[in-house]
Amino acid sequence: MTDREQLIIAIKTLRRDIDEDIQRLKVLQASREISLSVTKLQEGVMWLGMELKRIADACGVLNNPYPDSKNPANTTINPTADGLKL
């Protein structure tokens, strides 16, 4: 397994684990602090996703999981490509 493949696996694992943490936080009594914690973890998942995009762009991989996402005429809203609940 290449270093790049190991990095991708590590990032995807982190995104999954952070999503599990988000789901555990969401069952706690709501407060501003809990909401901010959820938001910051969601931001972390987003930034890790941007890192996956950077890796894909650097390798010339163009597998866009949302090919029509920028088309305003398309009314379909797809779930996250990796099934995260966020």
N, C-alpha and C. Protein backbone atom coordinates (compact mmCIF):
# COMPACT_ATOMS: atom_id res chain seq x y z
N MET A 1 0.85 -1.17 0.00
CA MET A 1 0.00 0.00 0.00
C MET A 1 0.90 1.24 0.00
N THR A 2 0.55 2.20 -0.85
CA THR A 2 1.37 3.41 -0.96
C THR A 2 1.11 4.35 0.22
N ASP A 3 2.01 5.30 0.39
CA ASP A 3 1.83 6.32 1.44
C ASP A 3 0.54 7.11 1.21
N ARG A 4 0.26 7.42 -0.07
CA ARG A 4 -0.96 8.18 -0.39
C ARG A 4 -2.20 7.39 0.00
N GLU A 5 -2.21 6.10 -0.29
CA GLU A 5 -3.35 5.26 0.06
C GLU A 5 -3.53 5.18 1.58
N GLN A 6 -2.42 5.07 2.29
CA GLN A 6 -2.49 5.04 3.75
C GLN A 6 -3.02 6.36 4.30
N LEU A 7 -2.62 7.48 3.71
CA LEU A 7 -3.12 8.79 4.12
C LEU A 7 -4.62 8.90 3.87
N ILE A 8 -5.07 8.46 2.71
CA ILE A 8 -6.50 8.50 2.40
C ILE A 8 -7.30 7.67 3.39
N ILE A 9 -6.81 6.48 3.69
CA ILE A 9 -7.49 5.62 4.66
C ILE A 9 -7.54 6.28 6.03
N ALA A 10 -6.43 6.88 6.44
CA ALA A 10 -6.38 7.55 7.75
C ALA A 10 -7.37 8.72 7.80
N ILE A 11 -7.43 9.51 6.74
CA ILE A 11 -8.36 10.66 6.72
C ILE A 11 -9.80 10.18 6.74
N LYS A 12 -10.12 9.17 5.93
CA LYS A 12 -11.50 8.66 5.91
C LYS A 12 -11.88 8.06 7.25
N THR A 13 -10.94 7.40 7.91
CA THR A 13 -11.20 6.84 9.24
C THR A 13 -11.47 7.96 10.24
N LEU A 14 -10.66 9.01 10.19
CA LEU A 14 -10.88 10.16 11.08
C LEU A 14 -12.25 10.79 10.84
N ARG A 15 -12.62 10.97 9.57
CA ARG A 15 -13.94 11.56 9.26
C ARG A 15 -15.07 10.70 9.85
N ARG A 16 -14.94 9.38 9.72
CA ARG A 16 -15.96 8.49 10.26
C ARG A 16 -16.00 8.58 11.79
N ASP A 17 -14.84 8.57 12.42
CA ASP A 17 -14.77 8.63 13.88
C ASP A 17 -15.30 9.96 14.41
N ILE A 18 -14.97 11.05 13.73
CA ILE A 18 -15.48 12.35 14.17
C ILE A 18 -16.99 12.40 14.02
N ASP A 19 -17.52 11.81 12.94
CA ASP A 19 -18.97 11.77 12.77
C ASP A 19 -19.64 11.01 13.91
N GLU A 20 -19.01 9.93 14.36
CA GLU A 20 -19.55 9.19 15.51
C GLU A 20 -19.55 10.06 16.76
N ASP A 21 -18.50 10.85 16.95
CA ASP A 21 -18.45 11.78 18.09
C ASP A 21 -19.56 12.82 17.98
N ILE A 22 -19.80 13.32 16.78
CA ILE A 22 -20.87 14.29 16.58
C ILE A 22 -22.21 13.69 16.98
N GLN A 23 -22.45 12.46 16.59
CA GLN A 23 -23.73 11.81 16.92
C GLN A 23 -23.87 11.63 18.43
N ARG A 24 -22.78 11.33 19.13
CA ARG A 24 -22.83 11.20 20.59
C ARG A 24 -23.10 12.55 21.24
N LEU A 25 -22.53 13.60 20.72
CA LEU A 25 -22.77 14.94 21.26
C LEU A 25 -24.23 15.37 21.08
N LYS A 26 -24.81 15.01 19.97
CA LYS A 26 -26.17 15.44 19.66
C LYS A 26 -27.22 14.89 20.63
N VAL A 27 -26.90 13.82 21.34
CA VAL A 27 -27.88 13.26 22.28
C VAL A 27 -27.79 13.92 23.66
N LEU A 28 -26.77 14.73 23.87
CA LEU A 28 -26.63 15.42 25.15
C LEU A 28 -27.62 16.58 25.22
N GLN A 29 -27.86 17.04 26.44
CA GLN A 29 -28.76 18.17 26.62
C GLN A 29 -28.21 19.37 25.83
N ALA A 30 -29.09 19.98 25.05
CA ALA A 30 -28.68 21.07 24.18
C ALA A 30 -28.19 22.27 24.99
N SER A 31 -27.10 22.85 24.51
CA SER A 31 -26.57 24.08 25.09
C SER A 31 -25.74 24.76 24.00
N ARG A 32 -25.42 25.99 24.24
CA ARG A 32 -24.57 26.72 23.28
C ARG A 32 -23.24 26.01 23.11
N GLU A 33 -22.67 25.54 24.21
CA GLU A 33 -21.37 24.87 24.17
C GLU A 33 -21.43 23.57 23.37
N ILE A 34 -22.50 22.80 23.56
CA ILE A 34 -22.66 21.55 22.80
C ILE A 34 -22.81 21.88 21.32
N SER A 35 -23.63 22.89 21.00
CA SER A 35 -23.83 23.28 19.60
C SER A 35 -22.53 23.72 18.96
N LEU A 36 -21.74 24.51 19.69
CA LEU A 36 -20.45 24.94 19.15
C LEU A 36 -19.51 23.75 18.96
N SER A 37 -19.55 22.81 19.87
CA SER A 37 -18.70 21.62 19.74
C SER A 37 -19.08 20.84 18.48
N VAL A 38 -20.37 20.68 18.26
CA VAL A 38 -20.84 19.98 17.05
C VAL A 38 -20.37 20.73 15.81
N THR A 39 -20.54 22.04 15.80
CA THR A 39 -20.14 22.85 14.65
C THR A 39 -18.66 22.72 14.36
N LYS A 40 -17.83 22.78 15.38
CA LYS A 40 -16.38 22.70 15.18
C LYS A 40 -15.98 21.31 14.67
N LEU A 41 -16.63 20.27 15.17
CA LEU A 41 -16.33 18.93 14.67
C LEU A 41 -16.77 18.80 13.21
N GLN A 42 -17.93 19.37 12.87
CA GLN A 42 -18.39 19.37 11.48
C GLN A 42 -17.39 20.10 10.59
N GLU A 43 -16.84 21.20 11.09
CA GLU A 43 -15.81 21.93 10.33
C GLU A 43 -14.58 21.04 10.11
N GLY A 44 -14.21 20.29 11.13
CA GLY A 44 -13.07 19.38 11.00
C GLY A 44 -13.31 18.35 9.92
N VAL A 45 -14.52 17.79 9.88
CA VAL A 45 -14.86 16.82 8.84
C VAL A 45 -14.78 17.47 7.47
N MET A 46 -15.27 18.71 7.38
CA MET A 46 -15.23 19.44 6.11
C MET A 46 -13.79 19.67 5.66
N TRP A 47 -12.91 20.10 6.57
CA TRP A 47 -11.52 20.36 6.19
C TRP A 47 -10.80 19.07 5.80
N LEU A 48 -11.12 17.98 6.47
CA LEU A 48 -10.53 16.69 6.07
C LEU A 48 -11.03 16.30 4.68
N GLY A 49 -12.28 16.61 4.38
CA GLY A 49 -12.82 16.38 3.04
C GLY A 49 -12.09 17.22 1.99
N MET A 50 -11.76 18.45 2.36
CA MET A 50 -11.00 19.31 1.45
C MET A 50 -9.60 18.74 1.22
N GLU A 51 -9.03 18.12 2.23
CA GLU A 51 -7.72 17.48 2.06
C GLU A 51 -7.84 16.30 1.10
N LEU A 52 -8.93 15.52 1.20
CA LEU A 52 -9.14 14.43 0.25
C LEU A 52 -9.26 14.98 -1.17
N LYS A 53 -9.95 16.10 -1.31
CA LYS A 53 -10.07 16.74 -2.63
C LYS A 53 -8.70 17.19 -3.14
N ARG A 54 -7.89 17.76 -2.26
CA ARG A 54 -6.56 18.20 -2.67
C ARG A 54 -5.73 17.01 -3.15
N ILE A 55 -5.81 15.90 -2.43
CA ILE A 55 -5.07 14.70 -2.82
C ILE A 55 -5.57 14.21 -4.18
N ALA A 56 -6.88 14.17 -4.35
CA ALA A 56 -7.45 13.71 -5.62
C ALA A 56 -7.03 14.63 -6.77
N ASP A 57 -7.08 15.94 -6.54
CA ASP A 57 -6.67 16.89 -7.58
C ASP A 57 -5.20 16.72 -7.95
N ALA A 58 -4.36 16.49 -6.95
CA ALA A 58 -2.92 16.32 -7.20
C ALA A 58 -2.63 15.06 -8.00
N CYS A 59 -3.51 14.07 -7.87
CA CYS A 59 -3.31 12.80 -8.57
C CYS A 59 -4.05 12.74 -9.89
N GLY A 60 -4.80 13.80 -10.19
CA GLY A 60 -5.56 13.82 -11.43
C GLY A 60 -6.82 12.98 -11.38
N VAL A 61 -7.27 12.65 -10.19
CA VAL A 61 -8.50 11.88 -10.03
C VAL A 61 -9.67 12.86 -10.05
N LEU A 62 -10.62 12.63 -10.92
CA LEU A 62 -11.74 13.56 -11.06
C LEU A 62 -13.08 12.89 -10.76
N ASN A 63 -13.12 12.01 -9.80
CA ASN A 63 -14.36 11.34 -9.44
C ASN A 63 -15.22 12.26 -8.58
N ASN A 64 -16.06 13.05 -9.21
CA ASN A 64 -16.94 13.97 -8.50
C ASN A 64 -18.19 13.22 -8.06
N PRO A 65 -18.41 13.06 -6.74
CA PRO A 65 -19.60 12.34 -6.29
C PRO A 65 -20.89 13.14 -6.50
N TYR A 66 -20.77 14.42 -6.83
CA TYR A 66 -21.93 15.29 -7.03
C TYR A 66 -21.83 16.01 -8.37
N PRO A 67 -21.91 15.29 -9.48
CA PRO A 67 -21.66 15.92 -10.78
C PRO A 67 -22.64 17.05 -11.13
N ASP A 68 -23.85 17.03 -10.61
CA ASP A 68 -24.83 18.06 -10.94
C ASP A 68 -25.06 19.05 -9.81
N SER A 69 -24.18 19.06 -8.82
CA SER A 69 -24.41 19.89 -7.63
C SER A 69 -24.38 21.39 -7.92
N LYS A 70 -23.70 21.81 -8.97
CA LYS A 70 -23.62 23.23 -9.28
C LYS A 70 -24.67 23.67 -10.30
N ASN A 71 -25.51 22.76 -10.71
CA ASN A 71 -26.55 23.06 -11.67
C ASN A 71 -27.81 23.49 -10.92
N PRO A 72 -28.19 24.78 -10.97
CA PRO A 72 -29.34 25.25 -10.20
C PRO A 72 -30.66 24.62 -10.64
N ALA A 73 -30.72 24.08 -11.84
CA ALA A 73 -31.95 23.43 -12.31
C ALA A 73 -32.13 22.04 -11.69
N ASN A 74 -31.05 21.48 -11.15
CA ASN A 74 -31.11 20.16 -10.52
C ASN A 74 -31.63 20.32 -9.10
N THR A 75 -32.76 19.71 -8.79
CA THR A 75 -33.37 19.85 -7.47
C THR A 75 -33.03 18.69 -6.54
N THR A 76 -32.18 17.77 -6.97
CA THR A 76 -31.79 16.63 -6.15
C THR A 76 -30.77 17.06 -5.11
N ILE A 77 -30.99 16.63 -3.86
CA ILE A 77 -30.03 16.86 -2.80
C ILE A 77 -29.50 15.49 -2.39
N ASN A 78 -28.22 15.26 -2.67
CA ASN A 78 -27.62 13.96 -2.39
C ASN A 78 -27.09 13.89 -0.97
N PRO A 79 -27.09 12.69 -0.37
CA PRO A 79 -26.44 12.54 0.94
C PRO A 79 -24.93 12.66 0.76
N THR A 80 -24.20 12.76 1.86
CA THR A 80 -22.75 12.84 1.74
C THR A 80 -22.23 11.61 1.02
N ALA A 81 -21.16 11.79 0.27
CA ALA A 81 -20.62 10.72 -0.55
C ALA A 81 -20.17 9.53 0.29
N ASP A 82 -19.72 9.79 1.51
CA ASP A 82 -19.22 8.69 2.34
C ASP A 82 -20.21 8.28 3.42
N GLY A 83 -21.46 8.73 3.32
CA GLY A 83 -22.51 8.28 4.22
C GLY A 83 -22.48 8.86 5.63
N LEU A 84 -21.74 9.95 5.85
CA LEU A 84 -21.69 10.55 7.17
C LEU A 84 -23.04 11.17 7.51
N LYS A 85 -23.40 11.16 8.79
CA LYS A 85 -24.68 11.72 9.22
C LYS A 85 -24.58 13.20 9.52
N LEU A 86 -23.40 13.65 9.96
CA LEU A 86 -23.16 15.03 10.33
C LEU A 86 -24.38 15.61 10.98
